[in-house]
Protein backbone atom coordinates (compact mmCIF):
# COMPACT_ATOMS: atom_id res chain seq x y z
CA MET A 1 -135.15 97.22 123.94
CA ALA A 2 -133.12 99.68 121.91
CA ARG A 3 -129.36 99.26 122.03
CA THR A 4 -127.21 102.17 123.10
CA PRO A 5 -125.08 103.24 120.11
CA SER A 6 -121.31 103.03 120.40
CA PRO A 7 -119.31 106.29 120.55
CA SER A 8 -118.32 105.93 116.89
CA GLN A 9 -121.93 105.33 115.85
CA ARG A 10 -123.26 108.27 117.85
CA ILE A 11 -120.51 110.56 116.55
CA ALA A 12 -121.33 109.63 112.95
CA GLU A 13 -125.03 110.17 113.64
CA LEU A 14 -124.44 113.58 115.22
CA ARG A 15 -122.15 114.74 112.43
CA ALA A 16 -124.73 113.86 109.78
CA LEU A 17 -127.54 115.47 111.77
CA ILE A 18 -125.62 118.70 112.40
CA GLN A 19 -124.63 118.93 108.73
CA GLU A 20 -128.31 118.62 107.78
CA HIS A 21 -129.23 121.41 110.18
CA ASN A 22 -126.36 123.56 108.88
CA HIS A 23 -127.68 123.20 105.35
CA ALA A 24 -131.22 124.05 106.46
CA TYR A 25 -130.05 127.09 108.45
CA TYR A 26 -127.39 128.53 106.17
CA GLY A 27 -128.20 127.10 102.75
CA GLU A 28 -132.00 127.31 102.86
CA ASP A 29 -132.46 130.01 105.56
CA ASN A 30 -135.03 127.62 107.05
CA PRO A 31 -133.93 126.19 110.43
CA ARG A 32 -135.68 123.01 111.57
CA VAL A 33 -134.68 123.15 115.24
CA SER A 34 -134.24 125.92 117.79
CA ASP A 35 -130.82 127.44 118.48
CA ALA A 36 -130.81 125.76 121.91
CA GLU A 37 -131.50 122.32 120.40
CA TYR A 38 -128.79 122.83 117.79
CA ASP A 39 -126.27 123.95 120.41
CA GLU A 40 -127.04 120.85 122.48
CA LEU A 41 -126.27 118.57 119.51
CA VAL A 42 -122.96 120.36 118.90
CA ARG A 43 -122.12 120.16 122.60
CA GLU A 44 -122.77 116.42 122.69
CA LEU A 45 -120.58 115.89 119.62
CA ARG A 46 -117.73 117.95 121.09
CA ASP A 47 -117.88 116.02 124.35
CA LEU A 48 -117.81 112.68 122.52
CA GLU A 49 -114.89 113.77 120.31
CA ALA A 50 -112.99 115.01 123.36
CA ALA A 51 -113.54 111.68 125.13
CA ASN A 52 -112.60 109.73 121.98
CA PRO A 53 -109.77 111.71 120.30
CA ASP A 54 -108.98 108.79 118.00
CA LEU A 55 -112.38 109.33 116.36
CA PHE A 56 -111.83 113.01 115.58
CA ASP A 57 -112.02 114.00 111.91
CA GLU A 58 -110.99 117.35 110.38
CA SER A 59 -114.19 117.32 108.35
CA SER A 60 -116.32 117.21 111.51
CA PRO A 61 -118.76 120.12 111.93
CA THR A 62 -116.96 120.99 115.17
CA ALA A 63 -113.77 121.69 113.21
CA LEU A 64 -115.44 123.93 110.65
CA VAL A 65 -117.20 127.27 110.73
CA SER A 66 -120.78 126.79 109.61
CA GLY A 67 -121.83 128.92 106.68
CA ALA A 68 -123.89 129.15 103.55
CA GLU A 69 -123.53 126.33 101.06
CA THR A 70 -125.28 127.90 98.11
CA THR A 71 -123.55 128.67 94.83
CA THR A 72 -125.80 131.53 93.73
CA PHE A 73 -122.96 134.04 94.06
CA ASP A 74 -119.29 134.02 93.11
CA PRO A 75 -116.85 132.78 95.78
CA VAL A 76 -114.64 135.20 97.73
CA VAL A 77 -111.56 134.00 99.62
CA HIS A 78 -111.17 135.80 102.94
CA ARG A 79 -107.64 137.14 103.38
CA VAL A 80 -108.23 137.00 107.14
CA PRO A 81 -110.44 134.01 108.08
CA MET A 82 -113.85 134.79 109.57
CA THR A 83 -114.26 132.77 112.75
CA SER A 84 -117.51 132.15 114.61
CA LEU A 85 -118.47 132.86 118.22
CA ASP A 86 -118.71 130.20 120.92
CA ASN A 87 -121.39 130.28 123.59
CA ALA A 88 -122.06 129.40 127.22
CA MET A 89 -125.48 128.11 128.25
CA ASP A 90 -125.27 128.82 131.99
CA GLU A 91 -123.11 130.45 134.69
CA THR A 92 -121.11 127.26 135.28
CA GLU A 93 -120.00 127.07 131.65
CA LEU A 94 -119.18 130.79 131.67
CA ALA A 95 -117.05 130.37 134.81
CA GLU A 96 -115.22 127.38 133.31
CA TRP A 97 -114.50 129.37 130.15
CA GLY A 98 -113.16 132.24 132.25
CA GLU A 99 -110.84 129.88 134.11
CA ARG A 100 -109.45 128.50 130.85
CA VAL A 101 -108.77 132.01 129.56
CA ALA A 102 -107.08 133.07 132.81
CA LYS A 103 -104.76 130.05 132.76
CA GLY A 104 -103.50 130.99 129.31
CA LEU A 105 -102.73 134.62 130.16
CA PRO A 106 -99.96 135.72 132.55
CA GLY A 107 -100.03 138.78 134.79
CA GLU A 108 -102.94 140.60 136.37
CA ALA A 109 -106.55 139.49 136.42
CA VAL A 110 -108.29 139.33 133.05
CA ARG A 111 -110.72 142.15 132.31
CA TYR A 112 -113.53 141.89 129.77
CA VAL A 113 -115.47 144.22 127.52
CA CYS A 114 -119.00 143.00 126.84
CA GLU A 115 -120.79 143.96 123.63
CA LEU A 116 -124.19 143.24 122.15
CA LYS A 117 -124.54 140.68 119.37
CA ILE A 118 -127.05 140.96 116.56
CA ASP A 119 -128.34 137.65 115.18
CA GLY A 120 -128.04 138.29 111.48
CA LEU A 121 -125.90 137.17 108.56
CA ALA A 122 -122.13 137.58 109.12
CA ILE A 123 -120.57 139.91 106.57
CA SER A 124 -117.14 141.30 105.66
CA ILE A 125 -117.07 144.66 103.87
CA ARG A 126 -113.89 145.76 102.13
CA PHE A 127 -112.77 149.33 101.47
CA GLU A 128 -109.71 150.17 99.36
CA LYS A 129 -108.36 153.73 99.56
CA GLY A 130 -111.63 154.70 101.20
CA SER A 131 -113.91 153.27 98.51
CA TYR A 132 -116.37 150.43 99.03
CA VAL A 133 -115.23 147.62 96.73
CA GLN A 134 -116.57 144.31 98.04
CA ALA A 135 -118.90 142.57 100.48
CA ALA A 136 -118.75 138.85 101.24
CA THR A 137 -120.63 136.48 103.52
CA ARG A 138 -118.73 134.35 106.03
CA GLY A 139 -119.39 131.05 104.25
CA ASP A 140 -117.17 128.38 105.79
CA GLY A 141 -114.85 130.95 107.33
CA ARG A 142 -112.31 130.72 104.51
CA THR A 143 -114.50 131.28 101.45
CA GLY A 144 -117.73 133.26 101.33
CA GLU A 145 -120.16 134.57 98.73
CA ASP A 146 -119.80 137.83 96.82
CA VAL A 147 -122.83 139.97 97.71
CA THR A 148 -121.25 143.32 96.80
CA ALA A 149 -124.14 144.60 94.67
CA ASN A 150 -126.77 143.67 97.25
CA VAL A 151 -124.96 145.15 100.26
CA ARG A 152 -124.38 148.35 98.30
CA THR A 153 -128.15 148.99 98.50
CA ILE A 154 -128.12 149.26 102.32
CA ASN A 155 -128.68 152.94 103.06
CA GLY A 156 -126.87 153.01 106.40
CA LEU A 157 -123.62 151.71 104.93
CA PRO A 158 -121.09 154.39 103.86
CA LYS A 159 -119.72 153.91 100.35
CA GLU A 160 -116.78 156.29 100.88
CA LEU A 161 -114.58 156.75 103.96
CA LYS A 162 -113.29 160.22 104.80
CA ALA A 163 -110.07 160.98 106.67
CA SER A 164 -110.21 162.86 109.96
CA LYS A 165 -107.66 165.29 111.38
CA LYS A 166 -106.06 162.49 113.40
CA VAL A 167 -106.61 159.38 111.28
CA ALA A 168 -105.91 158.90 107.58
CA VAL A 169 -107.95 156.57 105.41
CA PRO A 170 -106.29 153.10 105.38
CA GLU A 171 -105.12 151.58 102.11
CA VAL A 172 -107.26 148.55 102.95
CA LEU A 173 -109.94 148.25 105.61
CA GLU A 174 -112.24 145.28 106.15
CA VAL A 175 -115.16 145.96 108.46
CA ARG A 176 -117.02 142.92 109.78
CA GLY A 177 -120.37 142.53 111.45
CA GLU A 178 -123.93 141.35 110.89
CA ILE A 179 -126.49 142.27 108.26
CA TYR A 180 -129.92 142.09 109.87
CA MET A 181 -133.57 143.04 109.52
CA SER A 182 -135.17 145.01 112.34
CA ILE A 183 -138.30 143.65 114.00
CA GLU A 184 -140.30 146.56 112.60
CA SER A 185 -139.12 145.87 109.05
CA PHE A 186 -139.75 142.15 109.52
CA MET A 187 -143.34 142.69 110.66
CA LYS A 188 -143.94 144.97 107.67
CA LEU A 189 -142.55 142.38 105.22
CA LYS A 190 -144.51 139.56 106.86
CA SER A 191 -147.74 141.56 106.65
CA GLU A 192 -147.10 142.33 102.97
CA LYS A 193 -146.51 138.65 102.16
CA GLU A 194 -149.61 137.55 104.06
CA GLN A 195 -151.73 140.10 102.20
CA GLU A 196 -150.19 138.98 98.91
CA ASN A 197 -151.21 135.40 99.70
CA VAL A 198 -154.79 136.49 100.36
CA GLU A 199 -154.88 138.06 96.90
CA ARG A 200 -153.17 135.06 95.29
CA ALA A 201 -155.65 132.66 96.91
CA ALA A 202 -158.56 134.70 95.59
CA ALA A 203 -157.03 134.48 92.12
CA GLY A 204 -156.44 130.73 92.43
CA ARG A 205 -152.66 131.11 92.49
CA ALA A 206 -150.12 129.31 94.67
CA PRO A 207 -149.00 131.17 97.81
CA VAL A 208 -145.56 132.70 98.30
CA SER A 209 -143.45 131.87 101.33
CA VAL A 210 -143.93 134.03 104.43
CA PRO A 211 -140.82 134.79 106.51
CA VAL A 212 -140.83 133.09 109.92
CA ASN A 213 -138.38 135.29 111.82
CA PRO A 214 -136.18 138.39 111.30
CA ARG A 215 -132.95 136.40 110.97
CA ASN A 216 -134.23 134.25 108.11
CA ALA A 217 -135.91 137.22 106.45
CA GLY A 218 -132.71 139.26 106.58
CA ALA A 219 -130.51 136.47 105.25
CA GLY A 220 -132.95 135.66 102.47
CA SER A 221 -133.26 139.32 101.52
CA LEU A 222 -129.50 139.70 101.23
CA ARG A 223 -129.19 136.68 98.93
CA GLN A 224 -131.65 137.90 96.32
CA LYS A 225 -130.46 137.63 92.72
CA ASP A 226 -131.99 141.04 92.04
CA PRO A 227 -130.36 143.80 94.16
CA THR A 228 -133.50 145.94 93.82
CA VAL A 229 -135.35 143.36 95.92
CA THR A 230 -132.67 143.62 98.59
CA ALA A 231 -132.97 147.41 98.47
CA SER A 232 -136.70 147.17 99.22
CA ARG A 233 -136.18 145.10 102.40
CA ASP A 234 -134.78 147.86 104.65
CA LEU A 235 -131.73 145.96 105.93
CA SER A 236 -129.23 147.30 108.47
CA MET A 237 -125.68 146.50 109.55
CA TRP A 238 -124.10 146.17 112.99
CA SER A 239 -120.28 146.31 112.80
CA TYR A 240 -118.09 144.96 115.59
CA GLN A 241 -114.81 143.68 114.18
CA LEU A 242 -112.04 144.35 111.67
CA GLY A 243 -110.55 141.93 109.17
CA GLU A 244 -107.59 142.93 107.01
CA VAL A 245 -106.20 146.41 107.71
CA VAL A 246 -103.33 147.94 105.70
CA GLY A 247 -102.03 151.40 106.55
CA GLY A 248 -104.42 151.96 109.42
CA PRO A 249 -104.16 152.42 113.21
CA GLU A 250 -103.34 149.45 115.41
CA PHE A 251 -105.56 148.59 118.35
CA THR A 252 -103.84 147.62 121.61
CA SER A 253 -106.86 146.06 123.32
CA HIS A 254 -109.92 145.39 121.20
CA HIS A 255 -111.92 146.90 118.40
CA ALA A 256 -115.62 147.23 117.87
């Protein structure tokens, strides 16, 4: 009969397992478990750490923002840290979260603005005096990867910001969001790779990898060493947040 592991043993096991999955997801763009399974592992670890505070460690995956571990690109230190989103798996968890928020805020009832989330690769794009100067992945939340040349190839991204009659161009503006591949573009890329493998098999050559889902395909396309490959992948960006802003308008509620 198998013995039930102690809290310290299970915590160590979960930390190692989650770190492996983080590397597979962010470093290799090749997840080995579903998002729901991953979230359940993180939830179990958080519950165990909360019940055993003496076993908490600052290096635990629950204390860090998961992000890419590769060293293909130069590092970029985020002036404003890039945090990650939490989640709720059912109505009970959502209600409990709402109660915690309400307790921490005085005054009238809390009101929320709900926005769509795109499951892509988190990105921070920096403009200085209206000119596009840098793009960086989230990484661990403090340091990301410099993907400036690759992001520059995305057609829908403006490279210059123009002032309006009411708003001047900020000295510094960091726009944050997700780089993603649409389902249509993903299906096109997948079909191309499958056809390429048919031709390679006929020629006796080894097959190339075929993307398994839009998220992985988008992330892999953005991390290409050759920006022309990224340009051919038809990537898009969904912006929803601001990072560092110097000389720009202040938002009193939220920004999107």
